[in-house]
Full PDB file with SEQRES, HELIX, SHEET, SSBOND, CRYST1, ORIGX, SCALE, CONECT and MASTER records, all heavy atoms in Angstrom:
SEQRES   1 A   42  ILE PHE GLY GLY LEU GLY HIS TYR SER ALA ILE ASN TRP          
SEQRES   2 A   42  PHE PHE LEU ALA GLY ALA ILE ALA PRO ILE LEU VAL TRP          
SEQRES   3 A   42  LEU ALA HIS LYS ALA PHE PRO ASN GLN HIS TRP ILE LYS          
SEQRES   4 A   42  LEU ILE SER                                                  
HELIX    1 AA1 SER A    9  ASN A   12  5                                   4    
HELIX    2 AA2 TRP A   13  ALA A   31  1                                  19    
HELIX    3 AA3 HIS A   36  LYS A   39  1                                   4    
CRYST1    1.000    1.000    1.000  90.00  90.00  90.00 P 1           1          
ORIGX1      1.000000  0.000000  0.000000        0.00000                         
ORIGX2      0.000000  1.000000  0.000000        0.00000                         
ORIGX3      0.000000  0.000000  1.000000        0.00000                         
SCALE1      1.000000  0.000000  0.000000        0.00000                         
SCALE2      0.000000  1.000000  0.000000        0.00000                         
SCALE3      0.000000  0.000000  1.000000        0.00000                         
ATOM      1  N   ILE A   1     117.986 102.470 111.451  1.00  0.00           N  
ATOM      2  CA  ILE A   1     117.795 102.066 110.064  1.00  0.00           C  
ATOM      3  C   ILE A   1     116.492 101.304 109.886  1.00  0.00           C  
ATOM      4  O   ILE A   1     115.673 101.625 109.020  1.00  0.00           O  
ATOM      5  CB  ILE A   1     118.994 101.209 109.579  1.00  0.00           C  
ATOM      6  CG1 ILE A   1     120.287 102.025 109.651  1.00  0.00           C  
ATOM      7  CG2 ILE A   1     118.756 100.709 108.158  1.00  0.00           C  
ATOM      8  CD1 ILE A   1     121.529 101.253 109.270  1.00  0.00           C  
ATOM      9  N   PHE A   2     116.260 100.282 110.736  1.00  0.00           N  
ATOM     10  CA  PHE A   2     115.065  99.455 110.610  1.00  0.00           C  
ATOM     11  C   PHE A   2     114.051  99.694 111.729  1.00  0.00           C  
ATOM     12  O   PHE A   2     112.977  99.099 111.717  1.00  0.00           O  
ATOM     13  CB  PHE A   2     115.460  97.969 110.607  1.00  0.00           C  
ATOM     14  CG  PHE A   2     116.286  97.572 109.421  1.00  0.00           C  
ATOM     15  CD1 PHE A   2     117.662  97.430 109.535  1.00  0.00           C  
ATOM     16  CD2 PHE A   2     115.707  97.353 108.191  1.00  0.00           C  
ATOM     17  CE1 PHE A   2     118.436  97.069 108.453  1.00  0.00           C  
ATOM     18  CE2 PHE A   2     116.468  96.991 107.089  1.00  0.00           C  
ATOM     19  CZ  PHE A   2     117.840  96.856 107.218  1.00  0.00           C  
ATOM     20  N   GLY A   3     114.387 100.525 112.701  1.00  0.00           N  
ATOM     21  CA  GLY A   3     113.477 100.783 113.807  1.00  0.00           C  
ATOM     22  C   GLY A   3     112.646 102.034 113.595  1.00  0.00           C  
ATOM     23  O   GLY A   3     112.523 102.554 112.480  1.00  0.00           O  
ATOM     24  N   GLY A   4     112.125 102.553 114.698  1.00  0.00           N  
ATOM     25  CA  GLY A   4     111.262 103.729 114.619  1.00  0.00           C  
ATOM     26  C   GLY A   4     111.979 104.964 114.119  1.00  0.00           C  
ATOM     27  O   GLY A   4     111.344 105.886 113.599  1.00  0.00           O  
ATOM     28  N   LEU A   5     113.327 105.006 114.265  1.00  0.00           N  
ATOM     29  CA  LEU A   5     114.098 106.159 113.803  1.00  0.00           C  
ATOM     30  C   LEU A   5     114.549 106.019 112.358  1.00  0.00           C  
ATOM     31  O   LEU A   5     115.159 106.939 111.813  1.00  0.00           O  
ATOM     32  CB  LEU A   5     115.337 106.345 114.704  1.00  0.00           C  
ATOM     33  CG  LEU A   5     115.068 106.549 116.194  1.00  0.00           C  
ATOM     34  CD1 LEU A   5     116.384 106.623 116.959  1.00  0.00           C  
ATOM     35  CD2 LEU A   5     114.250 107.806 116.421  1.00  0.00           C  
ATOM     36  N   GLY A   6     114.299 104.886 111.725  1.00  0.00           N  
ATOM     37  CA  GLY A   6     114.828 104.633 110.384  1.00  0.00           C  
ATOM     38  C   GLY A   6     113.771 104.634 109.311  1.00  0.00           C  
ATOM     39  O   GLY A   6     112.573 104.522 109.576  1.00  0.00           O  
ATOM     40  N   HIS A   7     114.223 104.736 108.065  1.00  0.00           N  
ATOM     41  CA  HIS A   7     113.300 104.786 106.939  1.00  0.00           C  
ATOM     42  C   HIS A   7     113.048 103.400 106.343  1.00  0.00           C  
ATOM     43  O   HIS A   7     112.344 103.280 105.348  1.00  0.00           O  
ATOM     44  CB  HIS A   7     113.838 105.723 105.848  1.00  0.00           C  
ATOM     45  CG  HIS A   7     115.305 105.608 105.614  1.00  0.00           C  
ATOM     46  ND1 HIS A   7     116.222 106.308 106.362  1.00  0.00           N  
ATOM     47  CD2 HIS A   7     116.007 104.860 104.742  1.00  0.00           C  
ATOM     48  CE1 HIS A   7     117.434 106.009 105.948  1.00  0.00           C  
ATOM     49  NE2 HIS A   7     117.336 105.139 104.979  1.00  0.00           N  
ATOM     50  N   TYR A   8     113.643 102.334 106.923  1.00  0.00           N  
ATOM     51  CA  TYR A   8     113.385 100.971 106.456  1.00  0.00           C  
ATOM     52  C   TYR A   8     112.565 100.180 107.479  1.00  0.00           C  
ATOM     53  O   TYR A   8     112.618  98.949 107.513  1.00  0.00           O  
ATOM     54  CB  TYR A   8     114.712 100.233 106.200  1.00  0.00           C  
ATOM     55  CG  TYR A   8     115.533 100.806 105.071  1.00  0.00           C  
ATOM     56  CD1 TYR A   8     116.661 101.579 105.327  1.00  0.00           C  
ATOM     57  CD2 TYR A   8     115.194 100.572 103.744  1.00  0.00           C  
ATOM     58  CE1 TYR A   8     117.431 102.103 104.306  1.00  0.00           C  
ATOM     59  CE2 TYR A   8     115.950 101.089 102.704  1.00  0.00           C  
ATOM     60  CZ  TYR A   8     117.068 101.857 102.991  1.00  0.00           C  
ATOM     61  OH  TYR A   8     117.823 102.374 101.965  1.00  0.00           O  
ATOM     62  N   SER A   9     111.798 100.854 108.299  1.00  0.00           N  
ATOM     63  CA  SER A   9     111.076 100.179 109.382  1.00  0.00           C  
ATOM     64  C   SER A   9     110.052  99.170 108.858  1.00  0.00           C  
ATOM     65  O   SER A   9     109.760  98.168 109.527  1.00  0.00           O  
ATOM     66  CB  SER A   9     110.385 101.209 110.276  1.00  0.00           C  
ATOM     67  OG  SER A   9     109.491 102.012 109.522  1.00  0.00           O  
ATOM     68  N   ALA A  10     109.500  99.410 107.676  1.00  0.00           N  
ATOM     69  CA  ALA A  10     108.490  98.490 107.140  1.00  0.00           C  
ATOM     70  C   ALA A  10     109.064  97.111 106.842  1.00  0.00           C  
ATOM     71  O   ALA A  10     108.309  96.130 106.728  1.00  0.00           O  
ATOM     72  CB  ALA A  10     107.872  99.076 105.873  1.00  0.00           C  
ATOM     73  N   ILE A  11     110.398  97.006 106.746  1.00  0.00           N  
ATOM     74  CA  ILE A  11     111.038  95.715 106.477  1.00  0.00           C  
ATOM     75  C   ILE A  11     110.721  94.711 107.588  1.00  0.00           C  
ATOM     76  O   ILE A  11     110.722  93.497 107.376  1.00  0.00           O  
ATOM     77  CB  ILE A  11     112.566  95.898 106.329  1.00  0.00           C  
ATOM     78  CG1 ILE A  11     112.888  96.815 105.134  1.00  0.00           C  
ATOM     79  CG2 ILE A  11     113.272  94.565 106.146  1.00  0.00           C  
ATOM     80  CD1 ILE A  11     112.511  96.243 103.801  1.00  0.00           C  
ATOM     81  N   ASN A  12     110.420  95.213 108.785  1.00  0.00           N  
ATOM     82  CA  ASN A  12     110.143  94.311 109.901  1.00  0.00           C  
ATOM     83  C   ASN A  12     108.896  93.453 109.675  1.00  0.00           C  
ATOM     84  O   ASN A  12     108.721  92.423 110.346  1.00  0.00           O  
ATOM     85  CB  ASN A  12     109.986  95.104 111.202  1.00  0.00           C  
ATOM     86  CG  ASN A  12     111.304  95.687 111.680  1.00  0.00           C  
ATOM     87  OD1 ASN A  12     112.187  94.968 112.122  1.00  0.00           O  
ATOM     88  ND2 ASN A  12     111.445  97.008 111.576  1.00  0.00           N  
ATOM     89  N   TRP A  13     108.028  93.857 108.763  1.00  0.00           N  
ATOM     90  CA  TRP A  13     106.849  93.047 108.472  1.00  0.00           C  
ATOM     91  C   TRP A  13     107.223  91.700 107.855  1.00  0.00           C  
ATOM     92  O   TRP A  13     106.405  90.769 107.818  1.00  0.00           O  
ATOM     93  CB  TRP A  13     105.899  93.801 107.542  1.00  0.00           C  
ATOM     94  CG  TRP A  13     105.166  94.913 108.234  1.00  0.00           C  
ATOM     95  CD1 TRP A  13     105.427  96.253 108.166  1.00  0.00           C  
ATOM     96  CD2 TRP A  13     104.055  94.776 109.128  1.00  0.00           C  
ATOM     97  NE1 TRP A  13     104.558  96.965 108.952  1.00  0.00           N  
ATOM     98  CE2 TRP A  13     103.694  96.082 109.561  1.00  0.00           C  
ATOM     99  CE3 TRP A  13     103.328  93.693 109.613  1.00  0.00           C  
ATOM    100  CZ2 TRP A  13     102.651  96.312 110.442  1.00  0.00           C  
ATOM    101  CZ3 TRP A  13     102.278  93.916 110.494  1.00  0.00           C  
ATOM    102  CH2 TRP A  13     101.948  95.215 110.897  1.00  0.00           C  
ATOM    103  N   PHE A  14     108.455  91.580 107.367  1.00  0.00           N  
ATOM    104  CA  PHE A  14     108.893  90.301 106.807  1.00  0.00           C  
ATOM    105  C   PHE A  14     108.893  89.203 107.876  1.00  0.00           C  
ATOM    106  O   PHE A  14     108.742  88.025 107.554  1.00  0.00           O  
ATOM    107  CB  PHE A  14     110.294  90.434 106.193  1.00  0.00           C  
ATOM    108  CG  PHE A  14     110.289  90.967 104.787  1.00  0.00           C  
ATOM    109  CD1 PHE A  14     110.209  92.321 104.537  1.00  0.00           C  
ATOM    110  CD2 PHE A  14     110.374  90.109 103.706  1.00  0.00           C  
ATOM    111  CE1 PHE A  14     110.221  92.821 103.252  1.00  0.00           C  
ATOM    112  CE2 PHE A  14     110.383  90.587 102.409  1.00  0.00           C  
ATOM    113  CZ  PHE A  14     110.305  91.943 102.171  1.00  0.00           C  
ATOM    114  N   PHE A  15     109.110  89.557 109.143  1.00  0.00           N  
ATOM    115  CA  PHE A  15     109.041  88.560 110.210  1.00  0.00           C  
ATOM    116  C   PHE A  15     107.669  87.875 110.203  1.00  0.00           C  
ATOM    117  O   PHE A  15     107.561  86.645 110.271  1.00  0.00           O  
ATOM    118  CB  PHE A  15     109.272  89.219 111.576  1.00  0.00           C  
ATOM    119  CG  PHE A  15     110.711  89.476 111.911  1.00  0.00           C  
ATOM    120  CD1 PHE A  15     111.182  90.780 112.040  1.00  0.00           C  
ATOM    121  CD2 PHE A  15     111.591  88.423 112.113  1.00  0.00           C  
ATOM    122  CE1 PHE A  15     112.500  91.027 112.365  1.00  0.00           C  
ATOM    123  CE2 PHE A  15     112.917  88.663 112.439  1.00  0.00           C  
ATOM    124  CZ  PHE A  15     113.376  89.963 112.573  1.00  0.00           C  
ATOM    125  N   LEU A  16     106.629  88.674 110.125  1.00  0.00           N  
ATOM    126  CA  LEU A  16     105.267  88.131 110.132  1.00  0.00           C  
ATOM    127  C   LEU A  16     105.000  87.317 108.873  1.00  0.00           C  
ATOM    128  O   LEU A  16     104.418  86.226 108.936  1.00  0.00           O  
ATOM    129  CB  LEU A  16     104.255  89.270 110.259  1.00  0.00           C  
ATOM    130  CG  LEU A  16     102.778  88.867 110.276  1.00  0.00           C  
ATOM    131  CD1 LEU A  16     102.496  87.949 111.464  1.00  0.00           C  
ATOM    132  CD2 LEU A  16     101.885  90.105 110.315  1.00  0.00           C  
ATOM    133  N   ALA A  17     105.442  87.837 107.731  1.00  0.00           N  
ATOM    134  CA  ALA A  17     105.226  87.110 106.471  1.00  0.00           C  
ATOM    135  C   ALA A  17     105.921  85.752 106.500  1.00  0.00           C  
ATOM    136  O   ALA A  17     105.362  84.741 106.041  1.00  0.00           O  
ATOM    137  CB  ALA A  17     105.747  87.944 105.298  1.00  0.00           C  
ATOM    138  N   GLY A  18     107.137  85.720 107.060  1.00  0.00           N  
ATOM    139  CA  GLY A  18     107.863  84.453 107.138  1.00  0.00           C  
ATOM    140  C   GLY A  18     107.188  83.452 108.051  1.00  0.00           C  
ATOM    141  O   GLY A  18     107.216  82.239 107.794  1.00  0.00           O  
ATOM    142  N   ALA A  19     106.566  83.924 109.118  1.00  0.00           N  
ATOM    143  CA  ALA A  19     105.871  83.018 110.031  1.00  0.00           C  
ATOM    144  C   ALA A  19     104.581  82.485 109.419  1.00  0.00           C  
ATOM    145  O   ALA A  19     104.193  81.330 109.657  1.00  0.00           O  
ATOM    146  CB  ALA A  19     105.571  83.746 111.342  1.00  0.00           C  
ATOM    147  N   ILE A  20     103.899  83.292 108.628  1.00  0.00           N  
ATOM    148  CA  ILE A  20     102.621  82.887 108.034  1.00  0.00           C  
ATOM    149  C   ILE A  20     102.823  81.914 106.870  1.00  0.00           C  
ATOM    150  O   ILE A  20     102.032  80.979 106.679  1.00  0.00           O  
ATOM    151  CB  ILE A  20     101.837  84.129 107.571  1.00  0.00           C  
ATOM    152  CG1 ILE A  20     101.397  84.958 108.785  1.00  0.00           C  
ATOM    153  CG2 ILE A  20     100.635  83.739 106.714  1.00  0.00           C  
ATOM    154  CD1 ILE A  20     100.732  86.274 108.413  1.00  0.00           C  
ATOM    155  N   ALA A  21     103.896  82.100 106.084  1.00  0.00           N  
ATOM    156  CA  ALA A  21     104.089  81.318 104.858  1.00  0.00           C  
ATOM    157  C   ALA A  21     104.056  79.804 105.091  1.00  0.00           C  
ATOM    158  O   ALA A  21     103.346  79.079 104.371  1.00  0.00           O  
ATOM    159  CB  ALA A  21     105.396  81.741 104.182  1.00  0.00           C  
ATOM    160  N   PRO A  22     104.801  79.236 106.071  1.00  0.00           N  
ATOM    161  CA  PRO A  22     104.727  77.780 106.271  1.00  0.00           C  
ATOM    162  C   PRO A  22     103.341  77.307 106.729  1.00  0.00           C  
ATOM    163  O   PRO A  22     102.951  76.175 106.432  1.00  0.00           O  
ATOM    164  CB  PRO A  22     105.773  77.516 107.368  1.00  0.00           C  
ATOM    165  CG  PRO A  22     106.659  78.708 107.375  1.00  0.00           C  
ATOM    166  CD  PRO A  22     105.794  79.852 106.968  1.00  0.00           C  
ATOM    167  N   ILE A  23     102.614  78.170 107.437  1.00  0.00           N  
ATOM    168  CA  ILE A  23     101.262  77.802 107.872  1.00  0.00           C  
ATOM    169  C   ILE A  23     100.361  77.608 106.656  1.00  0.00           C  
ATOM    170  O   ILE A  23      99.562  76.662 106.596  1.00  0.00           O  
ATOM    171  CB  ILE A  23     100.683  78.876 108.817  1.00  0.00           C  
ATOM    172  CG1 ILE A  23     101.530  78.984 110.092  1.00  0.00           C  
ATOM    173  CG2 ILE A  23      99.235  78.564 109.159  1.00  0.00           C  
ATOM    174  CD1 ILE A  23     101.100  80.099 111.034  1.00  0.00           C  
ATOM    175  N   LEU A  24     100.488  78.483 105.662  1.00  0.00           N  
ATOM    176  CA  LEU A  24      99.691  78.347 104.442  1.00  0.00           C  
ATOM    177  C   LEU A  24     100.017  77.045 103.717  1.00  0.00           C  
ATOM    178  O   LEU A  24      99.114  76.360 103.217  1.00  0.00           O  
ATOM    179  CB  LEU A  24      99.946  79.549 103.525  1.00  0.00           C  
ATOM    180  CG  LEU A  24      99.556  80.925 104.080  1.00  0.00           C  
ATOM    181  CD1 LEU A  24      99.900  82.022 103.080  1.00  0.00           C  
ATOM    182  CD2 LEU A  24      98.076  80.972 104.433  1.00  0.00           C  
ATOM    183  N   VAL A  25     101.314  76.693 103.648  1.00  0.00           N  
ATOM    184  CA  VAL A  25     101.710  75.442 102.995  1.00  0.00           C  
ATOM    185  C   VAL A  25     101.156  74.246 103.774  1.00  0.00           C  
ATOM    186  O   VAL A  25     100.636  73.286 103.185  1.00  0.00           O  
ATOM    187  CB  VAL A  25     103.250  75.354 102.899  1.00  0.00           C  
ATOM    188  CG1 VAL A  25     103.671  74.005 102.319  1.00  0.00           C  
ATOM    189  CG2 VAL A  25     103.798  76.489 102.040  1.00  0.00           C  
ATOM    190  N   TRP A  26     101.242  74.299 105.088  1.00  0.00           N  
ATOM    191  CA  TRP A  26     100.755  73.199 105.934  1.00  0.00           C  
ATOM    192  C   TRP A  26      99.244  73.023 105.774  1.00  0.00           C  
ATOM    193  O   TRP A  26      98.756  71.895 105.653  1.00  0.00           O  
ATOM    194  CB  TRP A  26     101.124  73.496 107.385  1.00  0.00           C  
ATOM    195  CG  TRP A  26     100.757  72.412 108.346  1.00  0.00           C  
ATOM    196  CD1 TRP A  26     101.424  71.227 108.563  1.00  0.00           C  
ATOM    197  CD2 TRP A  26      99.631  72.405 109.234  1.00  0.00           C  
ATOM    198  NE1 TRP A  26     100.788  70.490 109.526  1.00  0.00           N  
ATOM    199  CE2 TRP A  26      99.684  71.178 109.958  1.00  0.00           C  
ATOM    200  CE3 TRP A  26      98.600  73.294 109.492  1.00  0.00           C  
ATOM    201  CZ2 TRP A  26      98.732  70.844 110.917  1.00  0.00           C  
ATOM    202  CZ3 TRP A  26      97.651  72.962 110.452  1.00  0.00           C  
ATOM    203  CH2 TRP A  26      97.720  71.753 111.149  1.00  0.00           C  
ATOM    204  N   LEU A  27      98.511  74.131 105.743  1.00  0.00           N  
ATOM    205  CA  LEU A  27      97.060  74.058 105.558  1.00  0.00           C  
ATOM    206  C   LEU A  27      96.711  73.489 104.185  1.00  0.00           C  
ATOM    207  O   LEU A  27      95.785  72.682 104.050  1.00  0.00           O  
ATOM    208  CB  LEU A  27      96.444  75.443 105.729  1.00  0.00           C  
ATOM    209  CG  LEU A  27      96.467  76.029 107.148  1.00  0.00           C  
ATOM    210  CD1 LEU A  27      95.948  77.462 107.144  1.00  0.00           C  
ATOM    211  CD2 LEU A  27      95.647  75.163 108.110  1.00  0.00           C  
ATOM    212  N   ALA A  28      97.470  73.901 103.162  1.00  0.00           N  
ATOM    213  CA  ALA A  28      97.232  73.370 101.817  1.00  0.00           C  
ATOM    214  C   ALA A  28      97.505  71.866 101.774  1.00  0.00           C  
ATOM    215  O   ALA A  28      96.777  71.100 101.129  1.00  0.00           O  
ATOM    216  CB  ALA A  28      98.111  74.099 100.806  1.00  0.00           C  
ATOM    217  N   HIS A  29      98.563  71.450 102.472  1.00  0.00           N  
ATOM    218  CA  HIS A  29      98.893  70.018 102.519  1.00  0.00           C  
ATOM    219  C   HIS A  29      97.788  69.220 103.219  1.00  0.00           C  
ATOM    220  O   HIS A  29      97.431  68.119 102.783  1.00  0.00           O  
ATOM    221  CB  HIS A  29     100.222  69.830 103.248  1.00  0.00           C  
ATOM    222  CG  HIS A  29     100.544  68.411 103.570  1.00  0.00           C  
ATOM    223  ND1 HIS A  29     100.742  67.445 102.599  1.00  0.00           N  
ATOM    224  CD2 HIS A  29     100.689  67.768 104.771  1.00  0.00           C  
ATOM    225  CE1 HIS A  29     101.000  66.286 103.178  1.00  0.00           C  
ATOM    226  NE2 HIS A  29     100.957  66.447 104.494  1.00  0.00           N  
ATOM    227  N   LYS A  30      97.227  69.773 104.301  1.00  0.00           N  
ATOM    228  CA  LYS A  30      96.145  69.089 105.007  1.00  0.00           C  
ATOM    229  C   LYS A  30      94.854  69.068 104.174  1.00  0.00           C  
ATOM    230  O   LYS A  30      94.096  68.103 104.211  1.00  0.00           O  
ATOM    231  CB  LYS A  30      95.890  69.777 106.351  1.00  0.00           C  
ATOM    232  CG  LYS A  30      97.026  69.623 107.355  1.00  0.00           C  
ATOM    233  CD  LYS A  30      97.256  68.170 107.713  1.00  0.00           C  
ATOM    234  CE  LYS A  30      98.355  68.004 108.732  1.00  0.00           C  
ATOM    235  NZ  LYS A  30      98.621  66.576 109.041  1.00  0.00           N  
ATOM    236  N   ALA A  31      94.635  70.142 103.432  1.00  0.00           N  
ATOM    237  CA  ALA A  31      93.418  70.227 102.621  1.00  0.00           C  
ATOM    238  C   ALA A  31      93.488  69.313 101.395  1.00  0.00           C  
ATOM    239  O   ALA A  31      92.466  68.782 100.945  1.00  0.00           O  
ATOM    240  CB  ALA A  31      93.175  71.673 102.190  1.00  0.00           C  
ATOM    241  N   PHE A  32      94.690  69.120 100.848  1.00  0.00           N  
ATOM    242  CA  PHE A  32      94.874  68.294  99.649  1.00  0.00           C  
ATOM    243  C   PHE A  32      95.965  67.259  99.913  1.00  0.00           C  
ATOM    244  O   PHE A  32      97.062  67.332  99.345  1.00  0.00           O  
ATOM    245  CB  PHE A  32      95.234  69.161  98.444  1.00  0.00           C  
ATOM    246  CG  PHE A  32      94.266  70.280  98.182  1.00  0.00           C  
ATOM    247  CD1 PHE A  32      94.543  71.576  98.608  1.00  0.00           C  
ATOM    248  CD2 PHE A  32      93.064  70.043  97.513  1.00  0.00           C  
ATOM    249  CE1 PHE A  32      93.657  72.617  98.377  1.00  0.00           C  
ATOM    250  CE2 PHE A  32      92.169  71.074  97.279  1.00  0.00           C  
ATOM    251  CZ  PHE A  32      92.456  72.361  97.715  1.00  0.00           C  
ATOM    252  N   PRO A  33      95.704  66.279 100.767  1.00  0.00           N  
ATOM    253  CA  PRO A  33      96.758  65.333 101.169  1.00  0.00           C  
ATOM    254  C   PRO A  33      97.284  64.474 100.033  1.00  0.00           C  
ATOM    255  O   PRO A  33      98.392  63.940 100.119  1.00  0.00           O  
ATOM    256  CB  PRO A  33      96.063  64.476 102.243  1.00  0.00           C  
ATOM    257  CG  PRO A  33      94.603  64.603 101.953  1.00  0.00           C  
ATOM    258  CD  PRO A  33      94.417  65.991 101.412  1.00  0.00           C  
ATOM    259  N   ASN A  34      96.514  64.330  98.964  1.00  0.00           N  
ATOM    260  CA  ASN A  34      96.972  63.505  97.837  1.00  0.00           C  
ATOM    261  C   ASN A  34      97.914  64.254  96.897  1.00  0.00           C  
ATOM    262  O   ASN A  34      98.515  63.642  96.014  1.00  0.00           O  
ATOM    263  CB  ASN A  34      95.769  62.982  97.047  1.00  0.00           C  
ATOM    264  CG  ASN A  34      94.915  62.025  97.869  1.00  0.00           C  
ATOM    265  OD1 ASN A  34      95.447  61.279  98.698  1.00  0.00           O  
ATOM    266  ND2 ASN A  34      93.604  62.046  97.652  1.00  0.00           N  
ATOM    267  N   GLN A  35      97.992  65.567  97.064  1.00  0.00           N  
ATOM    268  CA  GLN A  35      98.908  66.367  96.247  1.00  0.00           C  
ATOM    269  C   GLN A  35     100.275  66.409  96.948  1.00  0.00           C  
ATOM    270  O   GLN A  35     100.566  67.302  97.722  1.00  0.00           O  
ATOM    271  CB  GLN A  35      98.346  67.779  96.052  1.00  0.00           C  
ATOM    272  CG  GLN A  35      96.986  67.831  95.377  1.00  0.00           C  
ATOM    273  CD  GLN A  35      97.045  67.302  93.949  1.00  0.00           C  
ATOM    274  OE1 GLN A  35      98.012  67.524  93.222  1.00  0.00           O  
ATOM    275  NE2 GLN A  35      96.000  66.571  93.552  1.00  0.00           N  
ATOM    276  N   HIS A  36     101.098  65.401  96.667  1.00  0.00           N  
ATOM    277  CA  HIS A  36     102.350  65.249  97.412  1.00  0.00           C  
ATOM    278  C   HIS A  36     103.338  66.387  97.152  1.00  0.00           C  
ATOM    279  O   HIS A  36     104.223  66.637  97.970  1.00  0.00           O  
ATOM    280  CB  HIS A  36     102.988  63.905  97.068  1.00  0.00           C  
ATOM    281  CG  HIS A  36     102.138  62.724  97.435  1.00  0.00           C  
ATOM    282  ND1 HIS A  36     101.862  62.383  98.740  1.00  0.00           N  
ATOM    283  CD2 HIS A  36     101.478  61.818  96.659  1.00  0.00           C  
ATOM    284  CE1 HIS A  36     101.078  61.311  98.761  1.00  0.00           C  
ATOM    285  NE2 HIS A  36     100.820  60.951  97.511  1.00  0.00           N  
ATOM    286  N   TRP A  37     103.204  67.061  96.045  1.00  0.00           N  
ATOM    287  CA  TRP A  37     104.146  68.135  95.730  1.00  0.00           C  
ATOM    288  C   TRP A  37     104.012  69.302  96.704  1.00  0.00           C  
ATOM    289  O   TRP A  37     104.972  70.057  96.895  1.00  0.00           O  
ATOM    290  CB  TRP A  37     103.936  68.627  94.298  1.00  0.00           C  
ATOM    291  CG  TRP A  37     102.583  69.234  94.040  1.00  0.00           C  
ATOM    292  CD1 TRP A  37     101.454  68.600  93.626  1.00  0.00           C  
ATOM    293  CD2 TRP A  37     102.222  70.617  94.201  1.00  0.00           C  
ATOM    294  NE1 TRP A  37     100.404  69.478  93.509  1.00  0.00           N  
ATOM    295  CE2 TRP A  37     100.843  70.728  93.849  1.00  0.00           C  
ATOM    296  CE3 TRP A  37     102.912  71.760  94.588  1.00  0.00           C  
ATOM    297  CZ2 TRP A  37     100.168  71.938  93.893  1.00  0.00           C  
ATOM    298  CZ3 TRP A  37     102.244  72.973  94.620  1.00  0.00           C  
ATOM    299  CH2 TRP A  37     100.896  73.060  94.282  1.00  0.00           C  
ATOM    300  N   ILE A  38     102.846  69.440  97.337  1.00  0.00           N  
ATOM    301  CA  ILE A  38     102.658  70.562  98.262  1.00  0.00           C  
ATOM    302  C   ILE A  38     103.614  70.446  99.445  1.00  0.00           C  
ATOM    303  O   ILE A  38     104.197  71.432  99.903  1.00  0.00           O  
ATOM    304  CB  ILE A  38     101.197  70.637  98.746  1.00  0.00           C  
ATOM    305  CG1 ILE A  38     100.256  70.924  97.564  1.00  0.00           C  
ATOM    306  CG2 ILE A  38     101.035  71.699  99.832  1.00  0.00           C  
ATOM    307  CD1 ILE A  38      98.786  70.934  97.932  1.00  0.00           C  
ATOM    308  N   LYS A  39     103.781  69.222  99.938  1.00  0.00           N  
ATOM    309  CA  LYS A  39     104.660  69.030 101.101  1.00  0.00           C  
ATOM    310  C   LYS A  39     106.117  69.307 100.765  1.00  0.00           C  
ATOM    311  O   LYS A  39     106.949  69.524 101.647  1.00  0.00           O  
ATOM    312  CB  LYS A  39     104.510  67.602 101.631  1.00  0.00           C  
ATOM    313  CG  LYS A  39     105.095  67.412 103.026  1.00  0.00           C  
ATOM    314  CD  LYS A  39     104.799  66.042 103.590  1.00  0.00           C  
ATOM    315  CE  LYS A  39     105.380  65.902 104.992  1.00  0.00           C  
ATOM    316  NZ  LYS A  39     105.106  64.579 105.594  1.00  0.00           N  
ATOM    317  N   LEU A  40     106.455  69.290  99.481  1.00  0.00           N  
ATOM    318  CA  LEU A  40     107.837  69.559  99.062  1.00  0.00           C  
ATOM    319  C   LEU A  40     108.156  71.054  99.046  1.00  0.00           C  
ATOM    320  O   LEU A  40     109.305  71.431  98.838  1.00  0.00           O  
ATOM    321  CB  LEU A  40     108.089  68.957  97.675  1.00  0.00           C  
ATOM    322  CG  LEU A  40     107.985  67.425  97.587  1.00  0.00           C  
ATOM    323  CD1 LEU A  40     108.210  66.966  96.161  1.00  0.00           C  
ATOM    324  CD2 LEU A  40     108.971  66.754  98.532  1.00  0.00           C  
ATOM    325  N   ILE A  41     107.149  71.894  99.234  1.00  0.00           N  
ATOM    326  CA  ILE A  41     107.404  73.336  99.316  1.00  0.00           C  
ATOM    327  C   ILE A  41     108.005  73.631 100.684  1.00  0.00           C  
ATOM    328  O   ILE A  41     107.356  73.469 101.708  1.00  0.00           O  
ATOM    329  CB  ILE A  41     106.110  74.150  99.119  1.00  0.00           C  
ATOM    330  CG1 ILE A  41     105.492  73.851  97.754  1.00  0.00           C  
ATOM    331  CG2 ILE A  41     106.402  75.647  99.264  1.00  0.00           C  
ATOM    332  CD1 ILE A  41     104.131  74.504  97.553  1.00  0.00           C  
ATOM    333  N   SER A  42     109.236  74.036 100.695  1.00  0.00           N  
ATOM    334  CA  SER A  42     109.930  74.353 101.950  1.00  0.00           C  
ATOM    335  C   SER A  42     110.142  75.861 102.013  1.00  0.00           C  
ATOM    336  O   SER A  42     111.027  76.405 101.351  1.00  0.00           O  
ATOM    337  CB  SER A  42     111.283  73.623 102.018  1.00  0.00           C  
ATOM    338  OG  SER A  42     112.007  74.013 103.158  1.00  0.00           O  
TER     339      SER A  42                                                      
MASTER        0    0    0    3    0    0    0    6  338    1    0    4          
END                                                                             
């Protein structure tokens, strides 16, 4: 279903997207430390 034999294989890219998303928030928090609302993005 989600592997090489399945038609939903592209769903696996969500693993990478999920790993990148917190990094973007962390970088934004470091770049704008006075914007406290950024750190509240979980």
